[in-house]
Structures are given as structure tokens and as C-alpha cells.
């Protein structure tokens, strides 16, 4: 079964750098990108995400990529429209009031959750606070959040040849 994922910009950053959320060497996020591409899972992209991905890439200009494969994947996602689904434009839907109650969606990540509300993908983020808030409000949001390792295991387990 094919799944649709929404990748927080920290996933892109960690994949290219080859690190985990603590900046320790870790290839999990890069492996996730490869698995998504290889298995042909979908990636939901909103214009706000493309902007965040571009910003993440620019912040990495001074760092050699530890994962050239992840960098290639991200560049295909950003610059080759035939390699991704349609990019959604327009306004983001409002965040349900329940998501503002503890564990509240962090203010700086509200737009990520709002983008996810459009197509209900699996939100992949290495930010524990964001994951906990999304999973804490599953009923109100209709979303599920995972870290890179959990998403990688899920993506591989959902693959039916």
C-alpha cells in the first residue's frame, strides 16, 4: 500500500547532513528518503514546504552533504516537477482550537500542521514537541506524526511488491 508523507524541513536538513536531531551521525533520514522514492510512496508538498526546503538547502551550502543520494532526492523534489505530485498553493486551513490546548502545537510549527490538514499525510518530523502535540490531538487533527526511524520502518512495512 502506498502512503503519503509530509516531510518537515528538519527531515531534509538531517538527511543531507547525515545526522539525527542531536547532530550525531545517523543515516536514518537519508534512508527514509531513499525508501520513499524506491517504494514510490507519495510526498505531499505545499508551497510553504518548498520554501522551507529551499531555506534548509541554502543553510547547508557551507556543509558537504554526507548523503549525496538524499541531496539528489531533495533537488528532484524541489526542481523537477515530474518527480513529485502537484504543489499545493493558496491559504492554509485554520488550525482546530483543540490543537492549541496542551500538548499544544508549537507556534513555529503551526503552518506545518496546517499544511498537513490539507491531505492528511503522515507527518514526519524529528521535533519531539511537534510529534507529541500532533499525536496528542489525533482525533481533532486527523493526523499521525512519526520520527524518521518510525516512518522508515512504516514505509518499508507498508510496501507490497
Protein backbone atom coordinates (compact mmCIF):
# COMPACT_ATOMS: atom_id res chain seq x y z
CA UNK A 1 0.00 0.00 0.00
CA UNK A 2 1.32 3.40 -0.92
CA UNK A 3 1.39 6.08 1.77
CA UNK A 4 1.64 9.85 1.56
CA UNK A 5 4.15 11.63 3.77
CA UNK A 6 4.69 15.27 4.63
CA UNK A 7 8.33 15.86 5.49
CA UNK A 8 9.13 18.63 7.94
CA UNK A 9 12.09 20.71 6.80
CA UNK A 10 14.24 19.24 9.60
CA UNK A 11 13.99 15.86 7.86
CA UNK A 12 15.52 17.38 4.73
CA UNK A 13 18.27 19.05 6.76
CA UNK A 14 19.09 15.87 8.73
CA UNK A 15 19.03 13.67 5.63
CA UNK A 16 21.52 15.79 3.73
CA UNK A 17 23.77 16.33 6.74
CA UNK A 18 23.56 12.64 7.68
CA UNK A 19 22.75 13.42 11.30
CA UNK A 20 19.97 12.91 13.82
CA UNK A 21 18.16 15.61 15.77
CA UNK A 22 21.15 15.84 18.15
CA UNK A 23 23.62 16.33 15.26
CA UNK A 24 25.07 12.87 15.81
CA UNK A 25 25.96 10.85 12.68
CA UNK A 26 22.86 8.94 11.59
CA UNK A 27 21.66 7.90 8.14
CA UNK A 28 18.04 7.17 9.08
CA UNK A 29 16.53 10.25 7.45
CA UNK A 30 18.50 9.70 4.25
CA UNK A 31 17.37 6.06 4.23
CA UNK A 32 13.80 7.25 4.64
CA UNK A 33 14.06 9.47 1.56
CA UNK A 34 15.52 6.61 -0.45
CA UNK A 35 12.78 4.23 0.74
CA UNK A 36 10.05 6.71 -0.16
CA UNK A 37 11.49 7.14 -3.64
CA UNK A 38 12.23 3.46 -4.21
CA UNK A 39 8.83 2.25 -3.00
CA UNK A 40 7.05 5.14 -4.74
CA UNK A 41 5.28 6.45 -1.67
CA UNK A 42 3.88 9.93 -2.13
CA UNK A 43 5.07 13.19 -0.65
CA UNK A 44 2.61 15.97 -0.03
CA UNK A 45 4.09 19.34 -0.87
CA UNK A 46 2.65 22.77 -0.19
CA UNK A 47 4.36 25.92 -1.44
CA UNK A 48 5.25 26.78 2.18
CA UNK A 49 7.14 23.48 2.41
CA UNK A 50 9.04 24.09 -0.82
CA UNK A 51 10.09 27.45 0.56
CA UNK A 52 11.22 25.81 3.83
CA UNK A 53 13.11 23.08 1.91
CA UNK A 54 14.89 25.73 -0.16
CA UNK A 55 15.81 27.58 3.02
CA UNK A 56 17.16 24.36 4.54
CA UNK A 57 19.25 23.73 1.41
CA UNK A 58 20.65 27.25 1.50
CA UNK A 59 21.63 26.83 5.15
CA UNK A 60 23.63 23.74 4.12
CA UNK A 61 25.69 25.40 1.38
CA UNK A 62 28.79 25.51 3.55
CA UNK A 63 28.50 21.83 4.55
CA UNK A 64 29.41 18.98 2.24
CA UNK A 65 26.47 16.58 2.07
CA UNK A 66 27.05 13.30 3.87
CA UNK A 67 24.30 11.81 1.79
CA UNK A 68 24.56 12.72 -1.90
CA UNK A 69 21.56 10.46 -2.53
CA UNK A 70 19.42 12.49 -0.12
CA UNK A 71 20.63 15.71 -1.75
CA UNK A 72 19.72 14.33 -5.19
CA UNK A 73 16.27 13.34 -3.89
CA UNK A 74 15.65 16.79 -2.43
CA UNK A 75 16.78 18.53 -5.62
CA UNK A 76 14.43 16.31 -7.63
CA UNK A 77 11.62 17.16 -5.24
CA UNK A 78 12.35 20.88 -5.48
CA UNK A 79 13.28 21.36 -9.09
CA UNK A 80 11.81 18.50 -11.13
CA UNK A 81 8.03 18.76 -11.16
CA UNK A 82 7.71 15.39 -12.91
CA UNK A 83 9.24 13.71 -9.82
CA UNK A 84 6.67 14.99 -7.35
CA UNK A 85 2.97 15.48 -7.15
CA UNK A 86 1.35 18.82 -7.70
CA UNK A 87 2.45 21.54 -5.34
CA UNK A 88 -0.49 22.97 -3.47
CA UNK A 89 -0.78 26.73 -3.42
CA UNK A 90 -3.04 29.06 -1.55
CA UNK A 91 -4.01 29.66 2.02
CA UNK A 92 -3.57 27.08 4.70
CA UNK A 93 -6.64 25.86 6.59
CA UNK A 94 -7.10 27.07 10.15
CA UNK A 95 -5.73 25.02 13.00
CA UNK A 96 -8.51 23.45 15.10
CA UNK A 97 -8.87 25.08 18.52
CA UNK A 98 -8.24 21.74 20.23
CA UNK A 99 -4.67 21.77 18.84
CA UNK A 100 -3.93 24.88 20.88
CA UNK A 101 -4.59 23.02 24.13
CA UNK A 102 -1.81 21.02 25.81
CA UNK A 103 0.09 19.42 24.29
CA UNK A 104 -0.27 22.45 22.01
CA UNK A 105 1.21 22.54 18.53
CA UNK A 106 4.34 24.72 18.84
CA UNK A 107 3.64 28.17 17.36
CA UNK A 108 6.59 27.96 14.96
CA UNK A 109 5.24 24.66 13.58
CA UNK A 110 1.58 25.57 13.17
CA UNK A 111 1.99 26.08 9.42
CA UNK A 112 3.39 22.54 9.04
CA UNK A 113 0.31 21.08 10.73
CA UNK A 114 -1.96 23.36 8.72
CA UNK A 115 -0.34 22.10 5.50
CA UNK A 116 -0.82 18.51 6.67
CA UNK A 117 -4.52 19.17 7.27
CA UNK A 118 -5.00 19.55 3.51
CA UNK A 119 -4.36 15.91 2.61
CA UNK A 120 -3.88 14.07 5.93
CA UNK A 121 -0.45 12.61 5.16
CA UNK A 122 1.80 11.05 7.76
CA UNK A 123 3.75 13.95 9.20
CA UNK A 124 7.43 13.10 9.60
CA UNK A 125 9.44 15.31 11.94
CA UNK A 126 12.39 14.91 14.26
CA UNK A 127 10.94 17.52 16.62
CA UNK A 128 9.55 15.67 19.64
CA UNK A 129 7.30 18.56 20.69
CA UNK A 130 5.60 18.69 17.31
CA UNK A 131 5.19 14.91 17.17
CA UNK A 132 3.75 14.77 20.68
CA UNK A 133 1.28 17.57 20.00
CA UNK A 134 0.05 16.07 16.72
CA UNK A 135 -0.29 12.60 18.20
CA UNK A 136 -1.89 14.08 21.32
CA UNK A 137 -4.61 15.61 19.16
CA UNK A 138 -5.12 12.79 16.66
CA UNK A 139 -8.90 12.96 16.88
CA UNK A 140 -9.07 16.74 16.37
CA UNK A 141 -6.42 16.84 13.64
CA UNK A 142 -6.93 13.50 11.92
CA UNK A 143 -3.15 13.27 11.61
CA UNK A 144 -0.39 10.95 12.71
CA UNK A 145 3.19 12.07 13.32
CA UNK A 146 6.34 9.94 13.30
CA UNK A 147 10.04 10.43 13.67
CA UNK A 148 12.33 9.40 10.82
CA UNK A 149 13.07 5.91 12.17
CA UNK A 150 9.41 5.10 12.79
CA UNK A 151 8.48 6.46 9.34
CA UNK A 152 11.24 4.40 7.69
CA UNK A 153 10.02 1.21 9.38
CA UNK A 154 6.42 2.07 8.49
CA UNK A 155 7.26 2.89 4.85
CA UNK A 156 9.13 -0.38 4.42
CA UNK A 157 6.47 -2.44 6.18
CA UNK A 158 3.68 -0.94 4.08
CA UNK A 159 5.44 -1.87 0.86
CA UNK A 160 3.68 -4.60 -1.05
CA UNK A 161 5.72 -5.67 -4.08
